Amino acid sequence: WVHTLPGITSQRAHVYLAKRLKKGRVHREP
């Protein structure tokens, strides 16, 4: 993980590596 903007927020970005993928259907927001 990394801090995104530590000068103003404690927000973290968590990073993942995903393998053995299977294709399905997207479900995006409008």
PDB file of all heavy atoms in Angstrom:
ATOM      1  N   TRP A   1       0.851  -1.194   0.000  1.00  0.00           N
ATOM      2  CA  TRP A   1       0.000   0.000   0.000  1.00  0.00           C
ATOM      3  C   TRP A   1       0.887   1.244   0.000  1.00  0.00           C
ATOM      4  O   TRP A   1       2.057   1.195   0.352  1.00  0.00           O
ATOM      5  CB  TRP A   1      -0.954   0.012   1.199  1.00  0.00           C
ATOM      6  CG  TRP A   1      -0.281  -0.002   2.543  1.00  0.00           C
ATOM      7  CD1 TRP A   1       0.009  -1.094   3.307  1.00  0.00           C
ATOM      8  CD2 TRP A   1       0.191   1.129   3.291  1.00  0.00           C
ATOM      9  NE1 TRP A   1       0.633  -0.725   4.467  1.00  0.00           N
ATOM     10  CE2 TRP A   1       0.759   0.639   4.487  1.00  0.00           C
ATOM     11  CE3 TRP A   1       0.203   2.501   3.058  1.00  0.00           C
ATOM     12  CZ2 TRP A   1       1.323   1.470   5.443  1.00  0.00           C
ATOM     13  CZ3 TRP A   1       0.766   3.341   4.019  1.00  0.00           C
ATOM     14  CH2 TRP A   1       1.311   2.817   5.193  1.00  0.00           C
ATOM     15  N   VAL A   2       0.265   2.374  -0.403  1.00  0.00           N
ATOM     16  CA  VAL A   2       0.957   3.662  -0.389  1.00  0.00           C
ATOM     17  C   VAL A   2       0.011   4.734   0.143  1.00  0.00           C
ATOM     18  O   VAL A   2      -1.209   4.626  -0.003  1.00  0.00           O
ATOM     19  CB  VAL A   2       1.454   4.081  -1.799  1.00  0.00           C
ATOM     20  CG1 VAL A   2       2.557   3.153  -2.285  1.00  0.00           C
ATOM     21  CG2 VAL A   2       0.303   4.126  -2.796  1.00  0.00           C
ATOM     22  N   HIS A   3       0.584   5.758   0.789  1.00  0.00           N
ATOM     23  CA  HIS A   3      -0.191   6.947   1.118  1.00  0.00           C
ATOM     24  C   HIS A   3      -0.374   7.757  -0.164  1.00  0.00           C
ATOM     25  O   HIS A   3       0.577   7.932  -0.934  1.00  0.00           O
ATOM     26  CB  HIS A   3       0.535   7.805   2.167  1.00  0.00           C
ATOM     27  CG  HIS A   3       0.446   7.248   3.544  1.00  0.00           C
ATOM     28  ND1 HIS A   3       1.554   7.033   4.341  1.00  0.00           N
ATOM     29  CD2 HIS A   3      -0.623   6.859   4.290  1.00  0.00           C
ATOM     30  CE1 HIS A   3       1.174   6.548   5.499  1.00  0.00           C
ATOM     31  NE2 HIS A   3      -0.134   6.425   5.505  1.00  0.00           N
ATOM     32  N   THR A   4      -1.572   8.259  -0.399  1.00  0.00           N
ATOM     33  CA  THR A   4      -1.843   8.975  -1.650  1.00  0.00           C
ATOM     34  C   THR A   4      -1.425  10.437  -1.580  1.00  0.00           C
ATOM     35  O   THR A   4      -0.705  10.925  -2.467  1.00  0.00           O
ATOM     36  CB  THR A   4      -3.343   8.894  -1.993  1.00  0.00           C
ATOM     37  OG1 THR A   4      -4.118   9.446  -0.912  1.00  0.00           O
ATOM     38  CG2 THR A   4      -3.760   7.447  -2.233  1.00  0.00           C
ATOM     39  N   LEU A   5      -1.850  11.156  -0.551  1.00  0.00           N
ATOM     40  CA  LEU A   5      -1.509  12.573  -0.375  1.00  0.00           C
ATOM     41  C   LEU A   5      -1.274  12.829   1.115  1.00  0.00           C
ATOM     42  O   LEU A   5      -2.112  13.430   1.795  1.00  0.00           O
ATOM     43  CB  LEU A   5      -2.645  13.473  -0.888  1.00  0.00           C
ATOM     44  CG  LEU A   5      -2.893  13.517  -2.393  1.00  0.00           C
ATOM     45  CD1 LEU A   5      -4.229  14.196  -2.681  1.00  0.00           C
ATOM     46  CD2 LEU A   5      -1.772  14.264  -3.092  1.00  0.00           C
ATOM     47  N   PRO A   6      -0.138  12.384   1.647  1.00  0.00           N
ATOM     48  CA  PRO A   6       0.063  12.449   3.099  1.00  0.00           C
ATOM     49  C   PRO A   6       0.140  13.856   3.663  1.00  0.00           C
ATOM     50  O   PRO A   6       0.064  14.029   4.877  1.00  0.00           O
ATOM     51  CB  PRO A   6       1.395  11.701   3.306  1.00  0.00           C
ATOM     52  CG  PRO A   6       2.088  11.792   1.991  1.00  0.00           C
ATOM     53  CD  PRO A   6       1.003  11.759   0.955  1.00  0.00           C
ATOM     54  N   GLY A   7       0.268  14.869   2.797  1.00  0.00           N
ATOM     55  CA  GLY A   7       0.272  16.237   3.292  1.00  0.00           C
ATOM     56  C   GLY A   7      -1.086  16.715   3.766  1.00  0.00           C
ATOM     57  O   GLY A   7      -1.177  17.696   4.503  1.00  0.00           O
ATOM     58  N   ILE A   8      -2.157  15.986   3.361  1.00  0.00           N
ATOM     59  CA  ILE A   8      -3.492  16.450   3.732  1.00  0.00           C
ATOM     60  C   ILE A   8      -4.444  15.317   4.114  1.00  0.00           C
ATOM     61  O   ILE A   8      -5.481  15.556   4.715  1.00  0.00           O
ATOM     62  CB  ILE A   8      -4.113  17.293   2.591  1.00  0.00           C
ATOM     63  CG1 ILE A   8      -5.326  18.080   3.109  1.00  0.00           C
ATOM     64  CG2 ILE A   8      -4.473  16.421   1.395  1.00  0.00           C
ATOM     65  CD1 ILE A   8      -5.850  19.104   2.122  1.00  0.00           C
ATOM     66  N   THR A   9      -4.103  14.052   3.788  1.00  0.00           N
ATOM     67  CA  THR A   9      -5.021  12.961   4.093  1.00  0.00           C
ATOM     68  C   THR A   9      -4.249  11.694   4.458  1.00  0.00           C
ATOM     69  O   THR A   9      -3.106  11.504   4.020  1.00  0.00           O
ATOM     70  CB  THR A   9      -5.949  12.660   2.892  1.00  0.00           C
ATOM     71  OG1 THR A   9      -6.835  11.577   3.229  1.00  0.00           O
ATOM     72  CG2 THR A   9      -5.160  12.275   1.658  1.00  0.00           C
ATOM     73  N   SER A  10      -4.885  10.838   5.250  1.00  0.00           N
ATOM     74  CA  SER A  10      -4.281   9.551   5.624  1.00  0.00           C
ATOM     75  C   SER A  10      -4.734   8.431   4.686  1.00  0.00           C
ATOM     76  O   SER A  10      -4.459   7.257   4.945  1.00  0.00           O
ATOM     77  CB  SER A  10      -4.661   9.191   7.067  1.00  0.00           C
ATOM     78  OG  SER A  10      -6.079   9.058   7.187  1.00  0.00           O
ATOM     79  N   GLN A  11      -5.406   8.777   3.612  1.00  0.00           N
ATOM     80  CA  GLN A  11      -5.904   7.785   2.656  1.00  0.00           C
ATOM     81  C   GLN A  11      -4.769   6.886   2.145  1.00  0.00           C
ATOM     82  O   GLN A  11      -3.674   7.342   1.874  1.00  0.00           O
ATOM     83  CB  GLN A  11      -6.560   8.482   1.466  1.00  0.00           C
ATOM     84  CG  GLN A  11      -7.175   7.533   0.446  1.00  0.00           C
ATOM     85  CD  GLN A  11      -7.598   8.255  -0.819  1.00  0.00           C
ATOM     86  OE1 GLN A  11      -6.810   8.966  -1.434  1.00  0.00           O
ATOM     87  NE2 GLN A  11      -8.858   8.106  -1.185  1.00  0.00           N
ATOM     88  N   ARG A  12      -5.100   5.606   2.002  1.00  0.00           N
ATOM     89  CA  ARG A  12      -4.149   4.640   1.474  1.00  0.00           C
ATOM     90  C   ARG A  12      -4.695   4.013   0.189  1.00  0.00           C
ATOM     91  O   ARG A  12      -5.909   3.803   0.059  1.00  0.00           O
ATOM     92  CB  ARG A  12      -3.867   3.522   2.473  1.00  0.00           C
ATOM     93  CG  ARG A  12      -3.157   3.981   3.736  1.00  0.00           C
ATOM     94  CD  ARG A  12      -2.919   2.815   4.678  1.00  0.00           C
ATOM     95  NE  ARG A  12      -2.202   3.236   5.882  1.00  0.00           N
ATOM     96  CZ  ARG A  12      -1.789   2.400   6.824  1.00  0.00           C
ATOM     97  NH1 ARG A  12      -2.027   1.100   6.704  1.00  0.00           N
ATOM     98  NH2 ARG A  12      -1.142   2.855   7.877  1.00  0.00           N
ATOM     99  N   ALA A  13      -3.791   3.694  -0.724  1.00  0.00           N
ATOM    100  CA  ALA A  13      -4.129   2.921  -1.916  1.00  0.00           C
ATOM    101  C   ALA A  13      -3.516   1.532  -1.739  1.00  0.00           C
ATOM    102  O   ALA A  13      -2.306   1.393  -1.575  1.00  0.00           O
ATOM    103  CB  ALA A  13      -3.577   3.588  -3.170  1.00  0.00           C
ATOM    104  N   HIS A  14      -4.362   0.510  -1.750  1.00  0.00           N
ATOM    105  CA  HIS A  14      -3.938  -0.875  -1.555  1.00  0.00           C
ATOM    106  C   HIS A  14      -3.789  -1.540  -2.922  1.00  0.00           C
ATOM    107  O   HIS A  14      -4.724  -1.527  -3.720  1.00  0.00           O
ATOM    108  CB  HIS A  14      -4.966  -1.626  -0.708  1.00  0.00           C
ATOM    109  CG  HIS A  14      -5.222  -0.994   0.621  1.00  0.00           C
ATOM    110  ND1 HIS A  14      -4.562  -1.360   1.772  1.00  0.00           N
ATOM    111  CD2 HIS A  14      -6.064   0.016   0.978  1.00  0.00           C
ATOM    112  CE1 HIS A  14      -4.988  -0.631   2.783  1.00  0.00           C
ATOM    113  NE2 HIS A  14      -5.897   0.222   2.333  1.00  0.00           N
ATOM    114  N   VAL A  15      -2.625  -2.116  -3.175  1.00  0.00           N
ATOM    115  CA  VAL A  15      -2.290  -2.639  -4.498  1.00  0.00           C
ATOM    116  C   VAL A  15      -2.328  -4.165  -4.495  1.00  0.00           C
ATOM    117  O   VAL A  15      -1.752  -4.808  -3.604  1.00  0.00           O
ATOM    118  CB  VAL A  15      -0.904  -2.148  -4.944  1.00  0.00           C
ATOM    119  CG1 VAL A  15      -0.546  -2.708  -6.318  1.00  0.00           C
ATOM    120  CG2 VAL A  15      -0.857  -0.621  -4.953  1.00  0.00           C
ATOM    121  N   TYR A  16      -2.989  -4.735  -5.519  1.00  0.00           N
ATOM    122  CA  TYR A  16      -3.134  -6.186  -5.645  1.00  0.00           C
ATOM    123  C   TYR A  16      -2.722  -6.644  -7.042  1.00  0.00           C
ATOM    124  O   TYR A  16      -2.940  -5.935  -8.027  1.00  0.00           O
ATOM    125  CB  TYR A  16      -4.586  -6.604  -5.410  1.00  0.00           C
ATOM    126  CG  TYR A  16      -5.082  -6.395  -4.005  1.00  0.00           C
ATOM    127  CD1 TYR A  16      -5.551  -5.143  -3.596  1.00  0.00           C
ATOM    128  CD2 TYR A  16      -5.078  -7.426  -3.073  1.00  0.00           C
ATOM    129  CE1 TYR A  16      -6.003  -4.940  -2.304  1.00  0.00           C
ATOM    130  CE2 TYR A  16      -5.522  -7.231  -1.776  1.00  0.00           C
ATOM    131  CZ  TYR A  16      -5.989  -5.988  -1.402  1.00  0.00           C
ATOM    132  OH  TYR A  16      -6.428  -5.796  -0.122  1.00  0.00           O
ATOM    133  N   LEU A  17      -2.166  -7.845  -7.098  1.00  0.00           N
ATOM    134  CA  LEU A  17      -1.882  -8.520  -8.362  1.00  0.00           C
ATOM    135  C   LEU A  17      -2.862  -9.674  -8.493  1.00  0.00           C
ATOM    136  O   LEU A  17      -2.948 -10.534  -7.606  1.00  0.00           O
ATOM    137  CB  LEU A  17      -0.444  -9.030  -8.383  1.00  0.00           C
ATOM    138  CG  LEU A  17       0.002  -9.771  -9.645  1.00  0.00           C
ATOM    139  CD1 LEU A  17      -0.056  -8.863 -10.866  1.00  0.00           C
ATOM    140  CD2 LEU A  17       1.413 -10.332  -9.466  1.00  0.00           C
ATOM    141  N   ALA A  18      -3.637  -9.672  -9.581  1.00  0.00           N
ATOM    142  CA  ALA A  18      -4.667 -10.697  -9.801  1.00  0.00           C
ATOM    143  C   ALA A  18      -4.299 -11.539 -11.020  1.00  0.00           C
ATOM    144  O   ALA A  18      -4.008 -11.005 -12.089  1.00  0.00           O
ATOM    145  CB  ALA A  18      -6.027 -10.034 -10.010  1.00  0.00           C
ATOM    146  N   LYS A  19      -4.324 -12.865 -10.849  1.00  0.00           N
ATOM    147  CA  LYS A  19      -3.994 -13.781 -11.938  1.00  0.00           C
ATOM    148  C   LYS A  19      -5.080 -14.853 -12.069  1.00  0.00           C
ATOM    149  O   LYS A  19      -6.015 -14.894 -11.294  1.00  0.00           O
ATOM    150  CB  LYS A  19      -2.632 -14.441 -11.685  1.00  0.00           C
ATOM    151  CG  LYS A  19      -1.446 -13.488 -11.708  1.00  0.00           C
ATOM    152  CD  LYS A  19      -0.148 -14.257 -11.529  1.00  0.00           C
ATOM    153  CE  LYS A  19       1.069 -13.354 -11.628  1.00  0.00           C
ATOM    154  NZ  LYS A  19       2.336 -14.120 -11.466  1.00  0.00           N
ATOM    155  N   ARG A  20      -4.898 -15.692 -13.109  1.00  0.00           N
ATOM    156  CA  ARG A  20      -5.861 -16.757 -13.431  1.00  0.00           C
ATOM    157  C   ARG A  20      -7.250 -16.133 -13.606  1.00  0.00           C
ATOM    158  O   ARG A  20      -8.198 -16.447 -12.892  1.00  0.00           O
ATOM    159  CB  ARG A  20      -5.854 -17.846 -12.357  1.00  0.00           C
ATOM    160  CG  ARG A  20      -4.518 -18.553 -12.198  1.00  0.00           C
ATOM    161  CD  ARG A  20      -4.516 -19.517 -11.034  1.00  0.00           C
ATOM    162  NE  ARG A  20      -5.495 -20.589 -11.227  1.00  0.00           N
ATOM    163  CZ  ARG A  20      -5.874 -21.440 -10.273  1.00  0.00           C
ATOM    164  NH1 ARG A  20      -5.366 -21.301  -9.055  1.00  0.00           N
ATOM    165  NH2 ARG A  20      -6.753 -22.377 -10.524  1.00  0.00           N
ATOM    166  N   LEU A  21      -7.326 -15.251 -14.565  1.00  0.00           N
ATOM    167  CA  LEU A  21      -8.538 -14.465 -14.796  1.00  0.00           C
ATOM    168  C   LEU A  21      -9.568 -15.241 -15.605  1.00  0.00           C
ATOM    169  O   LEU A  21      -9.231 -16.045 -16.469  1.00  0.00           O
ATOM    170  CB  LEU A  21      -8.194 -13.160 -15.522  1.00  0.00           C
ATOM    171  CG  LEU A  21      -7.151 -12.239 -14.872  1.00  0.00           C
ATOM    172  CD1 LEU A  21      -7.012 -10.956 -15.674  1.00  0.00           C
ATOM    173  CD2 LEU A  21      -7.503 -11.946 -13.428  1.00  0.00           C
ATOM    174  N   LYS A  22     -10.819 -14.937 -15.323  1.00  0.00           N
ATOM    175  CA  LYS A  22     -11.943 -15.492 -16.074  1.00  0.00           C
ATOM    176  C   LYS A  22     -12.843 -14.348 -16.496  1.00  0.00           C
ATOM    177  O   LYS A  22     -13.244 -13.521 -15.689  1.00  0.00           O
ATOM    178  CB  LYS A  22     -12.725 -16.497 -15.221  1.00  0.00           C
ATOM    179  CG  LYS A  22     -13.906 -17.116 -15.947  1.00  0.00           C
ATOM    180  CD  LYS A  22     -14.649 -18.089 -15.044  1.00  0.00           C
ATOM    181  CE  LYS A  22     -15.858 -18.689 -15.769  1.00  0.00           C
ATOM    182  NZ  LYS A  22     -16.600 -19.630 -14.880  1.00  0.00           N
ATOM    183  N   LYS A  23     -13.181 -14.297 -17.793  1.00  0.00           N
ATOM    184  CA  LYS A  23     -13.979 -13.189 -18.329  1.00  0.00           C
ATOM    185  C   LYS A  23     -15.441 -13.366 -17.998  1.00  0.00           C
ATOM    186  O   LYS A  23     -15.999 -14.458 -18.084  1.00  0.00           O
ATOM    187  CB  LYS A  23     -13.810 -13.097 -19.855  1.00  0.00           C
ATOM    188  CG  LYS A  23     -14.392 -11.821 -20.443  1.00  0.00           C
ATOM    189  CD  LYS A  23     -13.525 -10.628 -20.085  1.00  0.00           C
ATOM    190  CE  LYS A  23     -13.967  -9.360 -20.831  1.00  0.00           C
ATOM    191  NZ  LYS A  23     -15.113  -8.697 -20.203  1.00  0.00           N
ATOM    192  N   GLY A  24     -16.062 -12.256 -17.591  1.00  0.00           N
ATOM    193  CA  GLY A  24     -17.495 -12.233 -17.312  1.00  0.00           C
ATOM    194  C   GLY A  24     -18.104 -10.952 -17.864  1.00  0.00           C
ATOM    195  O   GLY A  24     -17.668 -10.443 -18.893  1.00  0.00           O
ATOM    196  N   ARG A  25     -19.086 -10.412 -17.170  1.00  0.00           N
ATOM    197  CA  ARG A  25     -19.764  -9.195 -17.605  1.00  0.00           C
ATOM    198  C   ARG A  25     -19.388  -8.035 -16.696  1.00  0.00           C
ATOM    199  O   ARG A  25     -19.249  -8.189 -15.477  1.00  0.00           O
ATOM    200  CB  ARG A  25     -21.286  -9.385 -17.580  1.00  0.00           C
ATOM    201  CG  ARG A  25     -21.798 -10.436 -18.546  1.00  0.00           C
ATOM    202  CD  ARG A  25     -23.305 -10.547 -18.478  1.00  0.00           C
ATOM    203  NE  ARG A  25     -23.960  -9.277 -18.809  1.00  0.00           N
ATOM    204  CZ  ARG A  25     -25.273  -9.089 -18.740  1.00  0.00           C
ATOM    205  NH1 ARG A  25     -26.074 -10.069 -18.330  1.00  0.00           N
ATOM    206  NH2 ARG A  25     -25.790  -7.920 -19.076  1.00  0.00           N
ATOM    207  N   VAL A  26     -19.240  -6.855 -17.315  1.00  0.00           N
ATOM    208  CA  VAL A  26     -18.942  -5.651 -16.531  1.00  0.00           C
ATOM    209  C   VAL A  26     -20.211  -5.158 -15.843  1.00  0.00           C
ATOM    210  O   VAL A  26     -21.325  -5.422 -16.287  1.00  0.00           O
ATOM    211  CB  VAL A  26     -18.347  -4.535 -17.417  1.00  0.00           C
ATOM    212  CG1 VAL A  26     -17.043  -4.988 -18.044  1.00  0.00           C
ATOM    213  CG2 VAL A  26     -19.335  -4.103 -18.483  1.00  0.00           C
ATOM    214  N   HIS A  27     -20.023  -4.426 -14.746  1.00  0.00           N
ATOM    215  CA  HIS A  27     -21.139  -3.840 -13.997  1.00  0.00           C
ATOM    216  C   HIS A  27     -20.755  -2.421 -13.596  1.00  0.00           C
ATOM    217  O   HIS A  27     -20.623  -2.107 -12.412  1.00  0.00           O
ATOM    218  CB  HIS A  27     -21.468  -4.685 -12.762  1.00  0.00           C
ATOM    219  CG  HIS A  27     -21.799  -6.112 -13.061  1.00  0.00           C
ATOM    220  ND1 HIS A  27     -23.033  -6.512 -13.522  1.00  0.00           N
ATOM    221  CD2 HIS A  27     -21.037  -7.228 -12.987  1.00  0.00           C
ATOM    222  CE1 HIS A  27     -23.035  -7.817 -13.699  1.00  0.00           C
ATOM    223  NE2 HIS A  27     -21.831  -8.284 -13.387  1.00  0.00           N
ATOM    224  N   ARG A  28     -20.574  -1.568 -14.573  1.00  0.00           N
ATOM    225  CA  ARG A  28     -20.096  -0.216 -14.309  1.00  0.00           C
ATOM    226  C   ARG A  28     -21.227   0.712 -13.896  1.00  0.00           C
ATOM    227  O   ARG A  28     -22.392   0.487 -14.230  1.00  0.00           O
ATOM    228  CB  ARG A  28     -19.401   0.339 -15.557  1.00  0.00           C
ATOM    229  CG  ARG A  28     -18.140  -0.420 -15.937  1.00  0.00           C
ATOM    230  CD  ARG A  28     -17.591   0.033 -17.254  1.00  0.00           C
ATOM    231  NE  ARG A  28     -16.444  -0.793 -17.666  1.00  0.00           N
ATOM    232  CZ  ARG A  28     -16.066  -0.974 -18.909  1.00  0.00           C
ATOM    233  NH1 ARG A  28     -16.718  -0.352 -19.889  1.00  0.00           N
ATOM    234  NH2 ARG A  28     -15.037  -1.743 -19.191  1.00  0.00           N
ATOM    235  N   GLU A  29     -20.829   1.783 -13.187  1.00  0.00           N
ATOM    236  CA  GLU A  29     -21.782   2.816 -12.799  1.00  0.00           C
ATOM    237  C   GLU A  29     -22.162   3.641 -14.032  1.00  0.00           C
ATOM    238  O   GLU A  29     -21.379   3.745 -14.980  1.00  0.00           O
ATOM    239  CB  GLU A  29     -21.165   3.734 -11.741  1.00  0.00           C
ATOM    240  CG  GLU A  29     -20.752   3.026 -10.458  1.00  0.00           C
ATOM    241  CD  GLU A  29     -21.938   2.511  -9.667  1.00  0.00           C
ATOM    242  OE1 GLU A  29     -23.077   2.970  -9.931  1.00  0.00           O
ATOM    243  OE2 GLU A  29     -21.736   1.647  -8.798  1.00  0.00           O
ATOM    244  N   PRO A  30     -23.362   4.254 -14.024  1.00  0.00           N
ATOM    245  CA  PRO A  30     -23.804   5.035 -15.193  1.00  0.00           C
ATOM    246  C   PRO A  30     -22.858   6.167 -15.577  1.00  0.00           C
ATOM    247  O   PRO A  30     -22.777   6.541 -16.746  1.00  0.00           O
ATOM    248  CB  PRO A  30     -25.171   5.573 -14.754  1.00  0.00           C
ATOM    249  CG  PRO A  30     -25.629   4.636 -13.693  1.00  0.00           C
ATOM    250  CD  PRO A  30     -24.404   4.176 -12.993  1.00  0.00           C
TER     251      PRO A  30
END
